[in-house]
PDB file of N, CA and C in Angstrom:
ATOM      1  N   UNK A   1     -58.614  16.386  66.965  1.00  0.00           N
ATOM      2  CA  UNK A   1     -58.843  15.024  66.649  1.00  0.00           C
ATOM      3  C   UNK A   1     -59.692  14.994  65.548  1.00  0.00           C
ATOM      4  N   UNK A   2     -60.562  15.882  65.408  1.00  0.00           N
ATOM      5  CA  UNK A   2     -61.576  15.777  63.991  1.00  0.00           C
ATOM      6  C   UNK A   2     -60.828  16.219  62.969  1.00  0.00           C
ATOM      7  N   UNK A   3     -59.803  17.058  62.794  1.00  0.00           N
ATOM      8  CA  UNK A   3     -59.193  17.195  61.632  1.00  0.00           C
ATOM      9  C   UNK A   3     -58.172  15.905  61.198  1.00  0.00           C
ATOM     10  N   UNK A   4     -57.496  15.599  62.293  1.00  0.00           N
ATOM     11  CA  UNK A   4     -56.792  14.479  62.100  1.00  0.00           C
ATOM     12  C   UNK A   4     -57.273  13.274  61.695  1.00  0.00           C
ATOM     13  N   UNK A   5     -58.359  13.091  62.499  1.00  0.00           N
ATOM     14  CA  UNK A   5     -59.138  11.415  62.168  1.00  0.00           C
ATOM     15  C   UNK A   5     -60.106  11.756  60.983  1.00  0.00           C
ATOM     16  N   UNK A   6     -60.495  12.981  60.553  1.00  0.00           N
ATOM     17  CA  UNK A   6     -61.301  12.970  59.557  1.00  0.00           C
ATOM     18  C   UNK A   6     -62.974  12.680  59.927  1.00  0.00           C
ATOM     19  N   UNK A   7     -63.146  12.962  61.300  1.00  0.00           N
ATOM     20  CA  UNK A   7     -64.526  12.524  61.415  1.00  0.00           C
ATOM     21  C   UNK A   7     -65.057  13.387  62.574  1.00  0.00           C
ATOM     22  N   UNK A   8     -66.317  13.746  62.663  1.00  0.00           N
ATOM     23  CA  UNK A   8     -66.919  14.547  63.511  1.00  0.00           C
ATOM     24  C   UNK A   8     -67.101  14.203  64.863  1.00  0.00           C
ATOM     25  N   UNK A   9     -67.378  12.819  65.180  1.00  0.00           N
ATOM     26  CA  UNK A   9     -67.509  12.164  66.556  1.00  0.00           C
ATOM     27  C   UNK A   9     -66.106  11.839  66.909  1.00  0.00           C
ATOM     28  N   UNK A  10     -65.425  12.267  67.762  1.00  0.00           N
ATOM     29  CA  UNK A  10     -64.258  11.912  68.391  1.00  0.00           C
ATOM     30  C   UNK A  10     -64.079  11.656  69.752  1.00  0.00           C
ATOM     31  N   UNK A  11     -65.452  11.576  70.388  1.00  0.00           N
ATOM     32  CA  UNK A  11     -65.400  11.275  71.877  1.00  0.00           C
ATOM     33  C   UNK A  11     -64.821  10.168  72.284  1.00  0.00           C
ATOM     34  N   UNK A  12     -64.951   8.942  71.745  1.00  0.00           N
ATOM     35  CA  UNK A  12     -64.357   7.908  72.146  1.00  0.00           C
ATOM     36  C   UNK A  12     -62.883   8.049  72.269  1.00  0.00           C
ATOM     37  N   UNK A  13     -62.208   8.808  71.260  1.00  0.00           N
ATOM     38  CA  UNK A  13     -60.809   9.092  71.376  1.00  0.00           C
ATOM     39  C   UNK A  13     -60.313   9.989  72.297  1.00  0.00           C
ATOM     40  N   UNK A  14     -61.067  11.066  72.728  1.00  0.00           N
ATOM     41  CA  UNK A  14     -60.878  11.997  73.668  1.00  0.00           C
ATOM     42  C   UNK A  14     -61.128  11.376  74.997  1.00  0.00           C
ATOM     43  N   UNK A  15     -62.049  10.266  75.179  1.00  0.00           N
ATOM     44  CA  UNK A  15     -61.938   9.690  76.608  1.00  0.00           C
ATOM     45  C   UNK A  15     -60.845   8.725  76.684  1.00  0.00           C
ATOM     46  N   UNK A  16     -60.205   8.098  75.514  1.00  0.00           N
ATOM     47  CA  UNK A  16     -59.056   7.095  75.828  1.00  0.00           C
ATOM     48  C   UNK A  16     -57.976   8.189  76.297  1.00  0.00           C
ATOM     49  N   UNK A  17     -57.815   9.429  75.448  1.00  0.00           N
ATOM     50  CA  UNK A  17     -56.612  10.447  75.962  1.00  0.00           C
ATOM     51  C   UNK A  17     -56.804  10.518  77.306  1.00  0.00           C
ATOM     52  N   UNK A  18     -58.016  11.104  77.758  1.00  0.00           N
ATOM     53  CA  UNK A  18     -58.334  11.292  79.283  1.00  0.00           C
ATOM     54  C   UNK A  18     -58.009  10.014  80.325  1.00  0.00           C
ATOM     55  N   UNK A  19     -58.275   8.985  79.851  1.00  0.00           N
ATOM     56  CA  UNK A  19     -57.753   7.719  80.645  1.00  0.00           C
ATOM     57  C   UNK A  19     -56.580   7.421  80.628  1.00  0.00           C
ATOM     58  N   UNK A  20     -55.913   7.705  79.553  1.00  0.00           N
ATOM     59  CA  UNK A  20     -54.308   7.489  79.290  1.00  0.00           C
ATOM     60  C   UNK A  20     -53.722   8.527  80.412  1.00  0.00           C
ATOM     61  N   UNK A  21     -54.227   9.659  80.373  1.00  0.00           N
ATOM     62  CA  UNK A  21     -53.681  10.819  81.347  1.00  0.00           C
ATOM     63  C   UNK A  21     -53.732  10.366  82.840  1.00  0.00           C
ATOM     64  N   UNK A  22     -55.064   9.776  83.052  1.00  0.00           N
ATOM     65  CA  UNK A  22     -55.162   9.321  84.376  1.00  0.00           C
ATOM     66  C   UNK A  22     -54.136   8.464  84.839  1.00  0.00           C
ATOM     67  N   UNK A  23     -53.890   7.554  84.014  1.00  0.00           N
ATOM     68  CA  UNK A  23     -52.950   6.398  84.159  1.00  0.00           C
ATOM     69  C   UNK A  23     -51.720   6.916  84.575  1.00  0.00           C
ATOM     70  N   UNK A  24     -51.330   7.764  83.485  1.00  0.00           N
ATOM     71  CA  UNK A  24     -49.912   8.541  83.675  1.00  0.00           C
ATOM     72  C   UNK A  24     -49.749   9.333  84.992  1.00  0.00           C
ATOM     73  N   UNK A  25     -50.777   9.862  85.549  1.00  0.00           N
ATOM     74  CA  UNK A  25     -50.651  10.448  86.850  1.00  0.00           C
ATOM     75  C   UNK A  25     -50.257   9.471  87.890  1.00  0.00           C
ATOM     76  N   UNK A  26     -51.233   8.509  87.804  1.00  0.00           N
ATOM     77  CA  UNK A  26     -50.724   7.434  88.775  1.00  0.00           C
ATOM     78  C   UNK A  26     -49.650   6.589  88.591  1.00  0.00           C
ATOM     79  N   UNK A  27     -48.772   6.819  87.679  1.00  0.00           N
ATOM     80  CA  UNK A  27     -47.494   5.986  87.560  1.00  0.00           C
ATOM     81  C   UNK A  27     -46.518   6.537  88.306  1.00  0.00           C
ATOM     82  N   UNK A  28     -45.898   5.490  89.047  1.00  0.00           N
ATOM     83  CA  UNK A  28     -44.752   6.076  89.887  1.00  0.00           C
ATOM     84  C   UNK A  28     -43.446   5.892  89.061  1.00  0.00           C
ATOM     85  N   UNK A  29     -42.633   7.183  89.160  1.00  0.00           N
ATOM     86  CA  UNK A  29     -41.306   6.921  88.498  1.00  0.00           C
ATOM     87  C   UNK A  29     -40.407   6.389  89.647  1.00  0.00           C
ATOM     88  N   UNK A  30     -39.454   5.786  89.224  1.00  0.00           N
ATOM     89  CA  UNK A  30     -38.373   5.207  90.278  1.00  0.00           C
ATOM     90  C   UNK A  30     -36.920   5.641  89.564  1.00  0.00           C
ATOM     91  N   UNK A  31     -36.128   5.638  90.703  1.00  0.00           N
ATOM     92  CA  UNK A  31     -34.774   6.000  90.243  1.00  0.00           C
ATOM     93  C   UNK A  31     -33.982   4.864  89.617  1.00  0.00           C
ATOM     94  N   UNK A  32     -32.753   5.025  88.974  1.00  0.00           N
ATOM     95  CA  UNK A  32     -31.917   3.692  88.265  1.00  0.00           C
ATOM     96  C   UNK A  32     -31.558   2.988  89.519  1.00  0.00           C
ATOM     97  N   UNK A  33     -31.451   3.478  90.637  1.00  0.00           N
ATOM     98  CA  UNK A  33     -31.061   2.763  91.974  1.00  0.00           C
ATOM     99  C   UNK A  33     -32.096   1.777  92.323  1.00  0.00           C
ATOM    100  N   UNK A  34     -33.416   2.478  92.199  1.00  0.00           N
ATOM    101  CA  UNK A  34     -34.576   1.567  92.600  1.00  0.00           C
ATOM    102  C   UNK A  34     -34.656   0.525  91.712  1.00  0.00           C
ATOM    103  N   UNK A  35     -34.654   0.748  90.503  1.00  0.00           N
ATOM    104  CA  UNK A  35     -34.937  -0.340  89.167  1.00  0.00           C
ATOM    105  C   UNK A  35     -33.946  -1.306  89.404  1.00  0.00           C
ATOM    106  N   UNK A  36     -32.451  -1.013  89.729  1.00  0.00           N
ATOM    107  CA  UNK A  36     -31.559  -2.157  90.014  1.00  0.00           C
ATOM    108  C   UNK A  36     -31.868  -2.773  91.146  1.00  0.00           C
ATOM    109  N   UNK A  37     -32.699  -2.392  91.970  1.00  0.00           N
ATOM    110  CA  UNK A  37     -32.944  -3.134  93.435  1.00  0.00           C
ATOM    111  C   UNK A  37     -34.074  -3.993  93.235  1.00  0.00           C
ATOM    112  N   UNK A  38     -34.924  -3.802  92.164  1.00  0.00           N
ATOM    113  CA  UNK A  38     -36.158  -4.499  91.862  1.00  0.00           C
ATOM    114  C   UNK A  38     -35.535  -5.795  91.182  1.00  0.00           C
ATOM    115  N   UNK A  39     -35.772  -7.169  91.673  1.00  0.00           N
ATOM    116  CA  UNK A  39     -35.339  -8.278  91.307  1.00  0.00           C
ATOM    117  C   UNK A  39     -35.793  -8.693  90.029  1.00  0.00           C
ATOM    118  N   UNK A  40     -37.078  -8.263  89.799  1.00  0.00           N
ATOM    119  CA  UNK A  40     -37.707  -8.579  88.419  1.00  0.00           C
ATOM    120  C   UNK A  40     -37.133  -8.177  87.273  1.00  0.00           C
ATOM    121  N   UNK A  41     -36.484  -7.005  87.091  1.00  0.00           N
ATOM    122  CA  UNK A  41     -36.012  -6.273  85.959  1.00  0.00           C
ATOM    123  C   UNK A  41     -34.515  -6.121  86.218  1.00  0.00           C
ATOM    124  N   UNK A  42     -33.950  -6.442  87.053  1.00  0.00           N
ATOM    125  CA  UNK A  42     -32.448  -6.201  87.381  1.00  0.00           C
ATOM    126  C   UNK A  42     -31.662  -6.748  86.089  1.00  0.00           C
ATOM    127  N   UNK A  43     -32.021  -7.825  85.686  1.00  0.00           N
ATOM    128  CA  UNK A  43     -31.079  -8.373  84.618  1.00  0.00           C
ATOM    129  C   UNK A  43     -31.160  -7.896  83.323  1.00  0.00           C
ATOM    130  N   UNK A  44     -32.546  -7.394  83.184  1.00  0.00           N
ATOM    131  CA  UNK A  44     -32.736  -6.733  81.917  1.00  0.00           C
ATOM    132  C   UNK A  44     -32.157  -5.430  81.804  1.00  0.00           C
ATOM    133  N   UNK A  45     -32.275  -4.708  82.812  1.00  0.00           N
ATOM    134  CA  UNK A  45     -31.585  -3.320  82.706  1.00  0.00           C
ATOM    135  C   UNK A  45     -30.005  -3.510  82.783  1.00  0.00           C
ATOM    136  N   UNK A  46     -29.485  -4.440  83.330  1.00  0.00           N
ATOM    137  CA  UNK A  46     -28.087  -4.696  83.083  1.00  0.00           C
ATOM    138  C   UNK A  46     -27.767  -5.106  81.615  1.00  0.00           C
ATOM    139  N   UNK A  47     -28.491  -6.142  81.336  1.00  0.00           N
ATOM    140  CA  UNK A  47     -28.396  -6.458  79.930  1.00  0.00           C
ATOM    141  C   UNK A  47     -28.288  -5.363  78.793  1.00  0.00           C
ATOM    142  N   UNK A  48     -29.265  -4.468  78.951  1.00  0.00           N
ATOM    143  CA  UNK A  48     -29.334  -3.406  78.190  1.00  0.00           C
ATOM    144  C   UNK A  48     -28.221  -2.484  78.240  1.00  0.00           C
ATOM    145  N   UNK A  49     -27.964  -1.962  79.388  1.00  0.00           N
ATOM    146  CA  UNK A  49     -26.740  -1.018  79.587  1.00  0.00           C
ATOM    147  C   UNK A  49     -25.547  -1.853  79.074  1.00  0.00           C
ATOM    148  N   UNK A  50     -25.065  -3.219  79.328  1.00  0.00           N
ATOM    149  CA  UNK A  50     -24.087  -3.530  79.018  1.00  0.00           C
ATOM    150  C   UNK A  50     -23.974  -3.545  77.126  1.00  0.00           C
ATOM    151  N   UNK A  51     -24.994  -4.013  76.806  1.00  0.00           N
ATOM    152  CA  UNK A  51     -25.399  -4.267  75.286  1.00  0.00           C
ATOM    153  C   UNK A  51     -25.017  -2.711  74.588  1.00  0.00           C
ATOM    154  N   UNK A  52     -25.854  -1.737  75.180  1.00  0.00           N
ATOM    155  CA  UNK A  52     -25.747  -0.454  74.403  1.00  0.00           C
ATOM    156  C   UNK A  52     -24.070   0.162  74.733  1.00  0.00           C
ATOM    157  N   UNK A  53     -23.598  -0.293  75.695  1.00  0.00           N
ATOM    158  CA  UNK A  53     -22.141   0.181  75.968  1.00  0.00           C
ATOM    159  C   UNK A  53     -21.130  -0.371  75.002  1.00  0.00           C
ATOM    160  N   UNK A  54     -21.298  -1.775  74.996  1.00  0.00           N
ATOM    161  CA  UNK A  54     -20.712  -2.578  73.880  1.00  0.00           C
ATOM    162  C   UNK A  54     -20.644  -2.144  72.373  1.00  0.00           C
ATOM    163  N   UNK A  55     -22.214  -1.720  72.193  1.00  0.00           N
ATOM    164  CA  UNK A  55     -22.541  -1.271  70.784  1.00  0.00           C
ATOM    165  C   UNK A  55     -21.552   0.070  70.489  1.00  0.00           C
ATOM    166  N   UNK A  56     -21.561   1.002  71.550  1.00  0.00           N
ATOM    167  CA  UNK A  56     -20.979   2.181  71.340  1.00  0.00           C
ATOM    168  C   UNK A  56     -19.417   1.985  71.318  1.00  0.00           C
ATOM    169  N   UNK A  57     -18.855   1.191  71.861  1.00  0.00           N
ATOM    170  CA  UNK A  57     -17.473   0.941  71.904  1.00  0.00           C
ATOM    171  C   UNK A  57     -16.913  -0.032  70.953  1.00  0.00           C
ATOM    172  N   UNK A  58     -17.545  -0.840  70.048  1.00  0.00           N
ATOM    173  CA  UNK A  58     -17.238  -1.767  68.946  1.00  0.00           C
ATOM    174  C   UNK A  58     -16.713  -1.022  67.851  1.00  0.00           C
ATOM    175  N   UNK A  59     -17.316   0.127  67.584  1.00  0.00           N
ATOM    176  CA  UNK A  59     -16.934   0.673  66.320  1.00  0.00           C
ATOM    177  C   UNK A  59     -17.669   0.374  65.180  1.00  0.00           C
ATOM    178  N   UNK A  60     -19.094  -0.105  65.436  1.00  0.00           N
ATOM    179  CA  UNK A  60     -19.854  -0.294  64.352  1.00  0.00           C
ATOM    180  C   UNK A  60     -20.338   0.944  63.668  1.00  0.00           C
ATOM    181  N   UNK A  61     -20.438   1.967  64.118  1.00  0.00           N
ATOM    182  CA  UNK A  61     -20.838   3.358  63.605  1.00  0.00           C
ATOM    183  C   UNK A  61     -19.741   3.866  62.634  1.00  0.00           C
ATOM    184  N   UNK A  62     -18.563   3.416  62.858  1.00  0.00           N
ATOM    185  CA  UNK A  62     -17.432   3.704  62.037  1.00  0.00           C
ATOM    186  C   UNK A  62     -17.667   2.985  60.717  1.00  0.00           C
ATOM    187  N   UNK A  63     -17.810   1.762  60.913  1.00  0.00           N
ATOM    188  CA  UNK A  63     -17.826   0.974  59.765  1.00  0.00           C
ATOM    189  C   UNK A  63     -18.899   1.309  58.945  1.00  0.00           C
ATOM    190  N   UNK A  64     -20.243   1.813  59.515  1.00  0.00           N
ATOM    191  CA  UNK A  64     -21.320   2.181  58.661  1.00  0.00           C
ATOM    192  C   UNK A  64     -20.791   3.524  57.957  1.00  0.00           C
ATOM    193  N   UNK A  65     -20.149   4.391  58.467  1.00  0.00           N
ATOM    194  CA  UNK A  65     -19.868   5.680  57.894  1.00  0.00           C
ATOM    195  C   UNK A  65     -18.917   5.357  56.665  1.00  0.00           C
ATOM    196  N   UNK A  66     -17.988   4.356  56.817  1.00  0.00           N
ATOM    197  CA  UNK A  66     -17.208   3.974  55.833  1.00  0.00           C
ATOM    198  C   UNK A  66     -17.341   2.874  54.863  1.00  0.00           C
ATOM    199  N   UNK A  67     -18.747   2.346  55.034  1.00  0.00           N
ATOM    200  CA  UNK A  67     -19.222   1.098  54.342  1.00  0.00           C
ATOM    201  C   UNK A  67     -19.047   1.242  52.907  1.00  0.00           C
ATOM    202  N   UNK A  68     -19.312   2.371  52.342  1.00  0.00           N
ATOM    203  CA  UNK A  68     -19.289   2.441  50.750  1.00  0.00           C
ATOM    204  C   UNK A  68     -17.775   2.254  50.317  1.00  0.00           C
ATOM    205  N   UNK A  69     -16.834   2.835  51.051  1.00  0.00           N
ATOM    206  CA  UNK A  69     -15.361   2.756  50.783  1.00  0.00           C
ATOM    207  C   UNK A  69     -14.934   1.286  50.960  1.00  0.00           C
ATOM    208  N   UNK A  70     -15.429   0.657  52.237  1.00  0.00           N
ATOM    209  CA  UNK A  70     -15.052  -0.790  52.401  1.00  0.00           C
ATOM    210  C   UNK A  70     -15.454  -1.439  51.288  1.00  0.00           C
ATOM    211  N   UNK A  71     -16.663  -1.381  50.844  1.00  0.00           N
ATOM    212  CA  UNK A  71     -17.057  -2.195  49.803  1.00  0.00           C
ATOM    213  C   UNK A  71     -16.445  -1.823  48.387  1.00  0.00           C
ATOM    214  N   UNK A  72     -16.291  -0.771  48.111  1.00  0.00           N
ATOM    215  CA  UNK A  72     -15.485  -0.425  46.934  1.00  0.00           C
ATOM    216  C   UNK A  72     -14.153  -1.076  47.065  1.00  0.00           C
ATOM    217  N   UNK A  73     -13.482  -0.985  47.897  1.00  0.00           N
ATOM    218  CA  UNK A  73     -12.004  -1.498  48.117  1.00  0.00           C
ATOM    219  C   UNK A  73     -12.006  -3.127  47.967  1.00  0.00           C
ATOM    220  N   UNK A  74     -13.156  -3.609  48.399  1.00  0.00           N
ATOM    221  CA  UNK A  74     -13.438  -5.212  48.471  1.00  0.00           C
ATOM    222  C   UNK A  74     -13.455  -5.523  46.974  1.00  0.00           C
ATOM    223  N   UNK A  75     -13.767  -4.559  46.133  1.00  0.00           N
ATOM    224  CA  UNK A  75     -13.992  -4.919  44.594  1.00  0.00           C
ATOM    225  C   UNK A  75     -15.559  -5.123  44.210  1.00  0.00           C
ATOM    226  N   UNK A  76     -16.346  -4.602  45.002  1.00  0.00           N
ATOM    227  CA  UNK A  76     -17.823  -4.695  44.614  1.00  0.00           C
ATOM    228  C   UNK A  76     -18.017  -3.332  43.491  1.00  0.00           C
ATOM    229  N   UNK A  77     -18.694  -3.782  42.565  1.00  0.00           N
ATOM    230  CA  UNK A  77     -19.197  -2.700  41.647  1.00  0.00           C
ATOM    231  C   UNK A  77     -19.871  -1.615  42.193  1.00  0.00           C
ATOM    232  N   UNK A  78     -19.756  -0.265  41.786  1.00  0.00           N
ATOM    233  CA  UNK A  78     -20.146   0.812  42.658  1.00  0.00           C
ATOM    234  C   UNK A  78     -21.579   0.764  42.394  1.00  0.00           C
ATOM    235  N   UNK A  79     -22.128   0.298  41.331  1.00  0.00           N
ATOM    236  CA  UNK A  79     -23.488   0.289  41.256  1.00  0.00           C
ATOM    237  C   UNK A  79     -24.306  -0.602  42.197  1.00  0.00           C
ATOM    238  N   UNK A  80     -23.612  -1.525  42.810  1.00  0.00           N
ATOM    239  CA  UNK A  80     -24.198  -2.633  43.527  1.00  0.00           C
ATOM    240  C   UNK A  80     -24.164  -2.373  45.063  1.00  0.00           C
ATOM    241  N   UNK A  81     -23.146  -1.346  45.192  1.00  0.00           N
ATOM    242  CA  UNK A  81     -22.833  -1.041  46.749  1.00  0.00           C
ATOM    243  C   UNK A  81     -24.084  -0.678  47.525  1.00  0.00           C
ATOM    244  N   UNK A  82     -24.877   0.274  47.032  1.00  0.00           N
ATOM    245  CA  UNK A  82     -26.021   0.760  47.898  1.00  0.00           C
ATOM    246  C   UNK A  82     -26.969  -0.581  48.027  1.00  0.00           C
ATOM    247  N   UNK A  83     -27.033  -1.511  47.173  1.00  0.00           N
ATOM    248  CA  UNK A  83     -27.915  -2.721  47.492  1.00  0.00           C
ATOM    249  C   UNK A  83     -27.318  -3.595  48.473  1.00  0.00           C
ATOM    250  N   UNK A  84     -25.897  -3.626  48.457  1.00  0.00           N
ATOM    251  CA  UNK A  84     -25.142  -4.483  49.428  1.00  0.00           C
ATOM    252  C   UNK A  84     -25.236  -3.935  50.826  1.00  0.00           C
ATOM    253  N   UNK A  85     -25.083  -2.584  50.842  1.00  0.00           N
ATOM    254  CA  UNK A  85     -25.105  -1.932  52.144  1.00  0.00           C
ATOM    255  C   UNK A  85     -26.691  -1.927  52.820  1.00  0.00           C
ATOM    256  N   UNK A  86     -27.536  -1.753  51.925  1.00  0.00           N
ATOM    257  CA  UNK A  86     -28.885  -2.062  52.268  1.00  0.00           C
ATOM    258  C   UNK A  86     -29.134  -3.462  52.789  1.00  0.00           C
ATOM    259  N   UNK A  87     -28.585  -4.485  52.265  1.00  0.00           N
ATOM    260  CA  UNK A  87     -28.732  -5.912  52.564  1.00  0.00           C
ATOM    261  C   UNK A  87     -27.992  -6.024  53.932  1.00  0.00           C
ATOM    262  N   UNK A  88     -27.000  -5.225  54.074  1.00  0.00           N
ATOM    263  CA  UNK A  88     -26.109  -5.500  55.176  1.00  0.00           C
ATOM    264  C   UNK A  88     -27.160  -4.839  56.559  1.00  0.00           C
ATOM    265  N   UNK A  89     -27.483  -3.722  56.195  1.00  0.00           N
ATOM    266  CA  UNK A  89     -28.301  -3.270  57.279  1.00  0.00           C
ATOM    267  C   UNK A  89     -29.496  -3.969  57.676  1.00  0.00           C
ATOM    268  N   UNK A  90     -30.153  -4.718  56.773  1.00  0.00           N
ATOM    269  CA  UNK A  90     -31.256  -5.605  56.723  1.00  0.00           C
ATOM    270  C   UNK A  90     -31.113  -6.788  57.616  1.00  0.00           C
ATOM    271  N   UNK A  91     -29.716  -7.287  57.406  1.00  0.00           N
ATOM    272  CA  UNK A  91     -29.312  -8.391  58.218  1.00  0.00           C
ATOM    273  C   UNK A  91     -29.224  -8.120  59.782  1.00  0.00           C
ATOM    274  N   UNK A  92     -28.475  -6.968  59.970  1.00  0.00           N
ATOM    275  CA  UNK A  92     -28.315  -6.355  61.306  1.00  0.00           C
ATOM    276  C   UNK A  92     -29.540  -6.082  61.952  1.00  0.00           C
ATOM    277  N   UNK A  93     -30.411  -5.346  61.249  1.00  0.00           N
ATOM    278  CA  UNK A  93     -31.853  -5.190  61.664  1.00  0.00           C
ATOM    279  C   UNK A  93     -32.530  -6.736  62.156  1.00  0.00           C
ATOM    280  N   UNK A  94     -32.485  -7.736  61.384  1.00  0.00           N
ATOM    281  CA  UNK A  94     -33.119  -8.926  61.476  1.00  0.00           C
ATOM    282  C   UNK A  94     -32.443  -9.344  62.955  1.00  0.00           C
ATOM    283  N   UNK A  95     -31.044  -9.328  62.829  1.00  0.00           N
ATOM    284  CA  UNK A  95     -30.387  -9.935  64.176  1.00  0.00           C
ATOM    285  C   UNK A  95     -30.788  -9.434  65.453  1.00  0.00           C
ATOM    286  N   UNK A  96     -30.986  -8.028  65.201  1.00  0.00           N
ATOM    287  CA  UNK A  96     -31.326  -7.273  66.426  1.00  0.00           C
ATOM    288  C   UNK A  96     -32.684  -7.743  66.982  1.00  0.00           C
ATOM    289  N   UNK A  97     -33.676  -7.486  65.965  1.00  0.00           N
ATOM    290  CA  UNK A  97     -34.956  -8.184  66.258  1.00  0.00           C
ATOM    291  C   UNK A  97     -35.263  -9.680  66.838  1.00  0.00           C
ATOM    292  N   UNK A  98     -34.340 -10.392  66.124  1.00  0.00           N
ATOM    293  CA  UNK A  98     -34.419 -11.832  66.508  1.00  0.00           C
ATOM    294  C   UNK A  98     -33.782 -12.136  67.858  1.00  0.00           C
ATOM    295  N   UNK A  99     -32.747 -11.453  68.222  1.00  0.00           N
ATOM    296  CA  UNK A  99     -32.084 -11.654  69.623  1.00  0.00           C
ATOM    297  C   UNK A  99     -33.075 -10.630  70.723  1.00  0.00           C
ATOM    298  N   UNK A 100     -33.689  -9.753  70.250  1.00  0.00           N
ATOM    299  CA  UNK A 100     -34.740  -9.225  71.243  1.00  0.00           C
ATOM    300  C   UNK A 100     -35.710 -10.129  71.697  1.00  0.00           C
ATOM    301  N   UNK A 101     -36.362 -10.678  70.425  1.00  0.00           N
ATOM    302  CA  UNK A 101     -37.482 -11.593  70.738  1.00  0.00           C
ATOM    303  C   UNK A 101     -36.991 -12.875  71.580  1.00  0.00           C
ATOM    304  N   UNK A 102     -35.902 -13.282  71.430  1.00  0.00           N
ATOM    305  CA  UNK A 102     -35.375 -14.417  71.892  1.00  0.00           C
ATOM    306  C   UNK A 102     -34.978 -14.347  73.539  1.00  0.00           C
ATOM    307  N   UNK A 103     -34.458 -12.994  73.584  1.00  0.00           N
ATOM    308  CA  UNK A 103     -33.844 -12.710  74.827  1.00  0.00           C
ATOM    309  C   UNK A 103     -35.152 -12.252  75.934  1.00  0.00           C
ATOM    310  N   UNK A 104     -36.296 -11.829  75.092  1.00  0.00           N
ATOM    311  CA  UNK A 104     -37.337 -11.338  76.015  1.00  0.00           C
ATOM    312  C   UNK A 104     -38.009 -12.739  76.548  1.00  0.00           C
ATOM    313  N   UNK A 105     -38.126 -13.610  75.765  1.00  0.00           N
ATOM    314  CA  UNK A 105     -38.610 -14.923  75.866  1.00  0.00           C
ATOM    315  C   UNK A 105     -37.905 -15.628  77.035  1.00  0.00           C
ATOM    316  N   UNK A 106     -36.653 -15.552  77.082  1.00  0.00           N
ATOM    317  CA  UNK A 106     -35.772 -16.120  78.170  1.00  0.00           C
ATOM    318  C   UNK A 106     -35.921 -15.098  79.475  1.00  0.00           C
ATOM    319  N   UNK A 107     -36.209 -14.057  79.142  1.00  0.00           N
ATOM    320  CA  UNK A 107     -36.353 -13.216  80.551  1.00  0.00           C
ATOM    321  C   UNK A 107     -37.878 -13.595  81.161  1.00  0.00           C
ATOM    322  N   UNK A 108     -38.690 -13.748  80.209  1.00  0.00           N
ATOM    323  CA  UNK A 108     -39.980 -13.988  80.952  1.00  0.00           C
ATOM    324  C   UNK A 108     -40.018 -15.432  81.552  1.00  0.00           C
ATOM    325  N   UNK A 109     -39.276 -16.397  80.804  1.00  0.00           N
ATOM    326  CA  UNK A 109     -38.953 -17.668  81.670  1.00  0.00           C
ATOM    327  C   UNK A 109     -38.565 -17.697  82.851  1.00  0.00           C
ATOM    328  N   UNK A 110     -37.544 -16.785  83.022  1.00  0.00           N
ATOM    329  CA  UNK A 110     -36.920 -16.654  84.490  1.00  0.00           C
ATOM    330  C   UNK A 110     -37.630 -15.823  85.282  1.00  0.00           C
ATOM    331  N   UNK A 111     -38.640 -14.891  84.902  1.00  0.00           N
ATOM    332  CA  UNK A 111     -39.394 -14.259  86.013  1.00  0.00           C
ATOM    333  C   UNK A 111     -40.345 -15.111  86.368  1.00  0.00           C
ATOM    334  N   UNK A 112     -40.807 -16.063  85.617  1.00  0.00           N
ATOM    335  CA  UNK A 112     -41.973 -16.844  86.056  1.00  0.00           C
ATOM    336  C   UNK A 112     -41.270 -17.996  87.171  1.00  0.00           C
ATOM    337  N   UNK A 113     -40.197 -18.231  87.058  1.00  0.00           N
ATOM    338  CA  UNK A 113     -39.568 -19.127  88.177  1.00  0.00           C
ATOM    339  C   UNK A 113     -39.586 -18.388  89.313  1.00  0.00           C
TER     340      UNK A 113
END
């Protein structure tokens, strides 16, 4: 810690690590079946599993693999393609983050009911 943080007194950081270690030891691990039986998180788990399954099956990885060829065939200038690809990725990331934020707000509202 001293080398990493660049200071001599790292006692507070060491204490935080030890406290986290104590919390980790007291954390109970649950199986997937137990997680699905817990009503408060069941829909979140199902939503994540279905979303990730659909993501794998939709072919989006193939699209990203061939994106330069796709944009080239669409008539986009080869010097512009990296920027278009970056913009497309940024839009996808923005959509993923915003849908995550919106769905977590919806989930919290349902849990409170």
